[in-house]
Amino acid sequence: MFVLLSSNPGYSGFKDGNELYKNCSAEDNVQQALCLSYVIGCYDTLETTVSNLVCIPDGIKANQLGDVVTAYLKTYPEERHYSAASTVIVSMIEAFPCE
């Protein structure tokens, strides 16, 4: 799945999964806010550009999306070198696939 989203293997974006995981797993509220803002931005972009890739259930809260991404990055440390945006998208696809 991840390979499908990495259209340019030489470009990893401005922020990678390691940086995002550092933000998301920090105790500092500012770092956590950076994480959540990034995740929400990726989700909003995904929803406005690609339909039926992710199906978020009604009533889900933004912090739950952050938790999903953090759990994904914790579970798959071998993928943290990829762009943060692609890891956010892959984590959401795995957690909330459209049927």
N, C-alpha and C. Protein backbone atom coordinates (compact mmCIF):
# COMPACT_ATOMS: atom_id res chain seq x y z
N MET A 1 0.83 -1.19 0.00
CA MET A 1 0.00 0.00 0.00
C MET A 1 0.87 1.25 0.00
N PHE A 2 1.93 1.24 0.81
CA PHE A 2 2.73 2.45 0.95
C PHE A 2 3.40 2.83 -0.36
N VAL A 3 3.84 1.86 -1.11
CA VAL A 3 4.51 2.13 -2.38
C VAL A 3 3.60 2.88 -3.34
N LEU A 4 2.33 2.60 -3.31
CA LEU A 4 1.39 3.26 -4.20
C LEU A 4 1.33 4.77 -3.96
N LEU A 5 1.62 5.20 -2.75
CA LEU A 5 1.51 6.61 -2.41
C LEU A 5 2.83 7.35 -2.56
N SER A 6 3.90 6.64 -2.79
CA SER A 6 5.21 7.27 -2.92
C SER A 6 5.56 7.41 -4.39
N SER A 7 5.08 8.47 -5.00
CA SER A 7 5.26 8.62 -6.44
C SER A 7 6.69 9.02 -6.80
N ASN A 8 7.39 9.66 -5.93
CA ASN A 8 8.76 10.07 -6.20
C ASN A 8 9.64 9.56 -5.07
N PRO A 9 10.27 8.38 -5.23
CA PRO A 9 11.02 7.79 -4.15
C PRO A 9 12.22 8.62 -3.68
N GLY A 10 12.69 9.55 -4.48
CA GLY A 10 13.82 10.38 -4.09
C GLY A 10 13.42 11.59 -3.26
N TYR A 11 12.13 11.88 -3.20
CA TYR A 11 11.64 13.05 -2.46
C TYR A 11 10.86 12.58 -1.25
N SER A 12 11.27 13.01 -0.07
CA SER A 12 10.59 12.55 1.15
C SER A 12 9.76 13.64 1.80
N GLY A 13 9.56 14.77 1.13
CA GLY A 13 8.76 15.84 1.68
C GLY A 13 9.58 16.72 2.61
N PHE A 14 8.90 17.70 3.19
CA PHE A 14 9.57 18.64 4.08
C PHE A 14 9.68 18.09 5.49
N LYS A 15 8.81 17.17 5.84
CA LYS A 15 8.78 16.59 7.18
C LYS A 15 8.69 15.08 7.00
N ASP A 16 9.49 14.34 7.74
CA ASP A 16 9.40 12.89 7.61
C ASP A 16 8.69 12.30 8.83
N GLY A 17 8.46 11.00 8.79
CA GLY A 17 7.76 10.33 9.86
C GLY A 17 8.48 10.40 11.19
N ASN A 18 9.81 10.45 11.17
CA ASN A 18 10.56 10.58 12.42
C ASN A 18 10.24 11.88 13.13
N GLU A 19 10.20 12.96 12.37
CA GLU A 19 9.87 14.26 12.95
C GLU A 19 8.43 14.28 13.45
N LEU A 20 7.52 13.71 12.67
CA LEU A 20 6.12 13.68 13.07
C LEU A 20 5.95 12.86 14.34
N TYR A 21 6.61 11.71 14.40
CA TYR A 21 6.51 10.86 15.59
C TYR A 21 7.06 11.58 16.82
N LYS A 22 8.13 12.33 16.64
CA LYS A 22 8.69 13.11 17.75
C LYS A 22 7.65 14.11 18.26
N ASN A 23 6.97 14.79 17.34
CA ASN A 23 5.91 15.73 17.73
C ASN A 23 4.76 15.01 18.42
N CYS A 24 4.31 13.92 17.82
CA CYS A 24 3.11 13.23 18.30
C CYS A 24 3.31 12.53 19.64
N SER A 25 4.51 12.07 19.90
CA SER A 25 4.76 11.31 21.13
C SER A 25 5.33 12.18 22.25
N ALA A 26 5.48 13.46 22.01
CA ALA A 26 6.03 14.37 23.02
C ALA A 26 5.02 14.63 24.13
N GLU A 27 5.53 14.97 25.28
CA GLU A 27 4.68 15.36 26.41
C GLU A 27 4.29 16.83 26.32
N ASP A 28 5.06 17.57 25.57
CA ASP A 28 4.89 19.02 25.42
C ASP A 28 3.63 19.32 24.60
N ASN A 29 2.77 20.18 25.13
CA ASN A 29 1.52 20.53 24.43
C ASN A 29 1.76 21.19 23.09
N VAL A 30 2.82 21.97 22.97
CA VAL A 30 3.13 22.63 21.70
C VAL A 30 3.49 21.58 20.64
N GLN A 31 4.30 20.60 21.01
CA GLN A 31 4.67 19.54 20.07
C GLN A 31 3.44 18.72 19.67
N GLN A 32 2.60 18.42 20.64
CA GLN A 32 1.39 17.67 20.33
C GLN A 32 0.46 18.46 19.41
N ALA A 33 0.41 19.78 19.61
CA ALA A 33 -0.41 20.63 18.74
C ALA A 33 0.15 20.64 17.32
N LEU A 34 1.47 20.63 17.19
CA LEU A 34 2.09 20.56 15.86
C LEU A 34 1.70 19.25 15.17
N CYS A 35 1.73 18.17 15.92
CA CYS A 35 1.34 16.86 15.39
C CYS A 35 -0.10 16.88 14.90
N LEU A 36 -0.99 17.29 15.78
CA LEU A 36 -2.42 17.26 15.46
C LEU A 36 -2.75 18.19 14.29
N SER A 37 -2.12 19.35 14.25
CA SER A 37 -2.34 20.27 13.14
C SER A 37 -1.90 19.67 11.82
N TYR A 38 -0.76 18.99 11.84
CA TYR A 38 -0.25 18.36 10.63
C TYR A 38 -1.20 17.25 10.17
N VAL A 39 -1.62 16.41 11.10
CA VAL A 39 -2.51 15.30 10.78
C VAL A 39 -3.83 15.81 10.21
N ILE A 40 -4.41 16.82 10.84
CA ILE A 40 -5.67 17.39 10.36
C ILE A 40 -5.49 17.99 8.97
N GLY A 41 -4.38 18.67 8.76
CA GLY A 41 -4.11 19.24 7.44
C GLY A 41 -4.01 18.18 6.36
N CYS A 42 -3.33 17.07 6.68
CA CYS A 42 -3.22 15.97 5.71
C CYS A 42 -4.59 15.37 5.42
N TYR A 43 -5.37 15.17 6.49
CA TYR A 43 -6.70 14.60 6.29
C TYR A 43 -7.58 15.52 5.45
N ASP A 44 -7.58 16.80 5.78
CA ASP A 44 -8.40 17.75 5.01
C ASP A 44 -7.99 17.78 3.55
N THR A 45 -6.70 17.74 3.30
CA THR A 45 -6.21 17.72 1.92
C THR A 45 -6.64 16.45 1.21
N LEU A 46 -6.52 15.33 1.89
CA LEU A 46 -6.92 14.05 1.32
C LEU A 46 -8.40 14.05 0.97
N GLU A 47 -9.22 14.54 1.86
CA GLU A 47 -10.67 14.55 1.64
C GLU A 47 -11.08 15.46 0.49
N THR A 48 -10.33 16.52 0.23
CA THR A 48 -10.70 17.43 -0.85
C THR A 48 -10.11 17.03 -2.20
N THR A 49 -9.19 16.08 -2.21
CA THR A 49 -8.53 15.72 -3.46
C THR A 49 -8.82 14.30 -3.93
N VAL A 50 -9.07 13.39 -3.01
CA VAL A 50 -9.28 11.99 -3.36
C VAL A 50 -10.52 11.49 -2.63
N SER A 51 -11.47 10.97 -3.37
CA SER A 51 -12.67 10.47 -2.72
C SER A 51 -12.58 8.96 -2.51
N ASN A 52 -13.24 8.49 -1.46
CA ASN A 52 -13.35 7.06 -1.16
C ASN A 52 -12.04 6.34 -0.90
N LEU A 53 -11.04 7.07 -0.45
CA LEU A 53 -9.79 6.42 -0.06
C LEU A 53 -9.79 6.14 1.44
N VAL A 54 -10.38 7.05 2.19
CA VAL A 54 -10.49 6.92 3.64
C VAL A 54 -11.94 7.21 4.03
N CYS A 55 -12.50 6.38 4.88
CA CYS A 55 -13.88 6.57 5.33
C CYS A 55 -13.88 6.70 6.85
N ILE A 56 -13.78 7.93 7.30
CA ILE A 56 -13.75 8.23 8.73
C ILE A 56 -15.18 8.11 9.28
N PRO A 57 -15.36 7.36 10.35
CA PRO A 57 -16.70 7.22 10.93
C PRO A 57 -17.23 8.54 11.48
N ASP A 58 -18.53 8.70 11.46
CA ASP A 58 -19.15 9.88 12.05
C ASP A 58 -18.80 9.96 13.53
N GLY A 59 -18.60 11.16 14.00
CA GLY A 59 -18.35 11.37 15.42
C GLY A 59 -16.92 11.25 15.88
N ILE A 60 -16.01 10.89 14.98
CA ILE A 60 -14.62 10.76 15.39
C ILE A 60 -14.05 12.15 15.67
N LYS A 61 -13.21 12.24 16.65
CA LYS A 61 -12.60 13.51 17.06
C LYS A 61 -11.21 13.63 16.46
N ALA A 62 -10.77 14.86 16.30
CA ALA A 62 -9.45 15.11 15.70
C ALA A 62 -8.33 14.43 16.49
N ASN A 63 -8.44 14.44 17.80
CA ASN A 63 -7.36 13.82 18.58
C ASN A 63 -7.30 12.31 18.35
N GLN A 64 -8.42 11.69 17.97
CA GLN A 64 -8.40 10.27 17.63
C GLN A 64 -7.59 10.03 16.36
N LEU A 65 -7.70 10.93 15.40
CA LEU A 65 -6.87 10.81 14.19
C LEU A 65 -5.39 10.90 14.57
N GLY A 66 -5.07 11.81 15.46
CA GLY A 66 -3.69 11.92 15.93
C GLY A 66 -3.23 10.65 16.61
N ASP A 67 -4.11 10.03 17.41
CA ASP A 67 -3.78 8.77 18.07
C ASP A 67 -3.53 7.65 17.06
N VAL A 68 -4.33 7.62 16.00
CA VAL A 68 -4.16 6.60 14.96
C VAL A 68 -2.80 6.74 14.30
N VAL A 69 -2.44 7.96 13.96
CA VAL A 69 -1.15 8.20 13.31
C VAL A 69 0.01 7.87 14.26
N THR A 70 -0.10 8.29 15.50
CA THR A 70 0.95 8.01 16.48
C THR A 70 1.13 6.51 16.68
N ALA A 71 0.03 5.78 16.78
CA ALA A 71 0.09 4.32 16.94
C ALA A 71 0.74 3.67 15.72
N TYR A 72 0.40 4.16 14.53
CA TYR A 72 0.99 3.61 13.31
C TYR A 72 2.51 3.83 13.30
N LEU A 73 2.92 5.05 13.63
CA LEU A 73 4.36 5.36 13.63
C LEU A 73 5.10 4.58 14.71
N LYS A 74 4.44 4.32 15.81
CA LYS A 74 5.06 3.52 16.88
C LYS A 74 5.18 2.06 16.46
N THR A 75 4.14 1.54 15.79
CA THR A 75 4.10 0.14 15.38
C THR A 75 5.04 -0.15 14.21
N TYR A 76 5.22 0.82 13.32
CA TYR A 76 6.03 0.62 12.12
C TYR A 76 7.20 1.61 12.07
N PRO A 77 8.16 1.50 12.97
CA PRO A 77 9.29 2.45 12.97
C PRO A 77 10.12 2.36 11.69
N GLU A 78 10.05 1.24 11.01
CA GLU A 78 10.82 1.08 9.76
C GLU A 78 10.27 1.95 8.63
N GLU A 79 9.12 2.55 8.82
CA GLU A 79 8.53 3.41 7.78
C GLU A 79 8.62 4.90 8.10
N ARG A 80 9.27 5.24 9.20
CA ARG A 80 9.33 6.64 9.62
C ARG A 80 10.21 7.51 8.73
N HIS A 81 11.03 6.91 7.90
CA HIS A 81 11.88 7.73 7.02
C HIS A 81 11.11 8.25 5.81
N TYR A 82 9.91 7.74 5.59
CA TYR A 82 9.08 8.25 4.50
C TYR A 82 8.49 9.60 4.89
N SER A 83 7.93 10.28 3.92
CA SER A 83 7.36 11.60 4.21
C SER A 83 6.25 11.48 5.25
N ALA A 84 6.14 12.49 6.07
CA ALA A 84 5.11 12.49 7.11
C ALA A 84 3.72 12.43 6.48
N ALA A 85 3.53 13.15 5.39
CA ALA A 85 2.22 13.16 4.73
C ALA A 85 1.81 11.76 4.28
N SER A 86 2.72 11.03 3.68
CA SER A 86 2.36 9.69 3.21
C SER A 86 2.12 8.73 4.36
N THR A 87 2.85 8.88 5.47
CA THR A 87 2.59 8.00 6.61
C THR A 87 1.23 8.31 7.25
N VAL A 88 0.85 9.57 7.25
CA VAL A 88 -0.48 9.94 7.76
C VAL A 88 -1.56 9.28 6.89
N ILE A 89 -1.42 9.39 5.60
CA ILE A 89 -2.41 8.83 4.69
C ILE A 89 -2.49 7.32 4.82
N VAL A 90 -1.35 6.65 4.84
CA VAL A 90 -1.35 5.19 4.96
C VAL A 90 -1.97 4.75 6.28
N SER A 91 -1.65 5.45 7.36
CA SER A 91 -2.22 5.07 8.66
C SER A 91 -3.74 5.21 8.65
N MET A 92 -4.24 6.24 7.99
CA MET A 92 -5.69 6.44 7.93
C MET A 92 -6.36 5.40 7.03
N ILE A 93 -5.71 5.06 5.93
CA ILE A 93 -6.26 4.03 5.04
C ILE A 93 -6.36 2.70 5.78
N GLU A 94 -5.32 2.37 6.55
CA GLU A 94 -5.34 1.11 7.29
C GLU A 94 -6.40 1.12 8.41
N ALA A 95 -6.54 2.26 9.08
CA ALA A 95 -7.48 2.33 10.20
C ALA A 95 -8.93 2.50 9.74
N PHE A 96 -9.13 3.22 8.65
CA PHE A 96 -10.48 3.55 8.20
C PHE A 96 -10.67 3.28 6.70
N PRO A 97 -10.55 2.03 6.29
CA PRO A 97 -10.71 1.73 4.87
C PRO A 97 -12.18 1.88 4.44
N CYS A 98 -12.36 2.26 3.21
CA CYS A 98 -13.72 2.32 2.66
C CYS A 98 -14.09 0.92 2.18
N GLU A 99 -15.30 0.55 2.40
CA GLU A 99 -15.74 -0.80 2.04
C GLU A 99 -16.38 -0.80 0.68
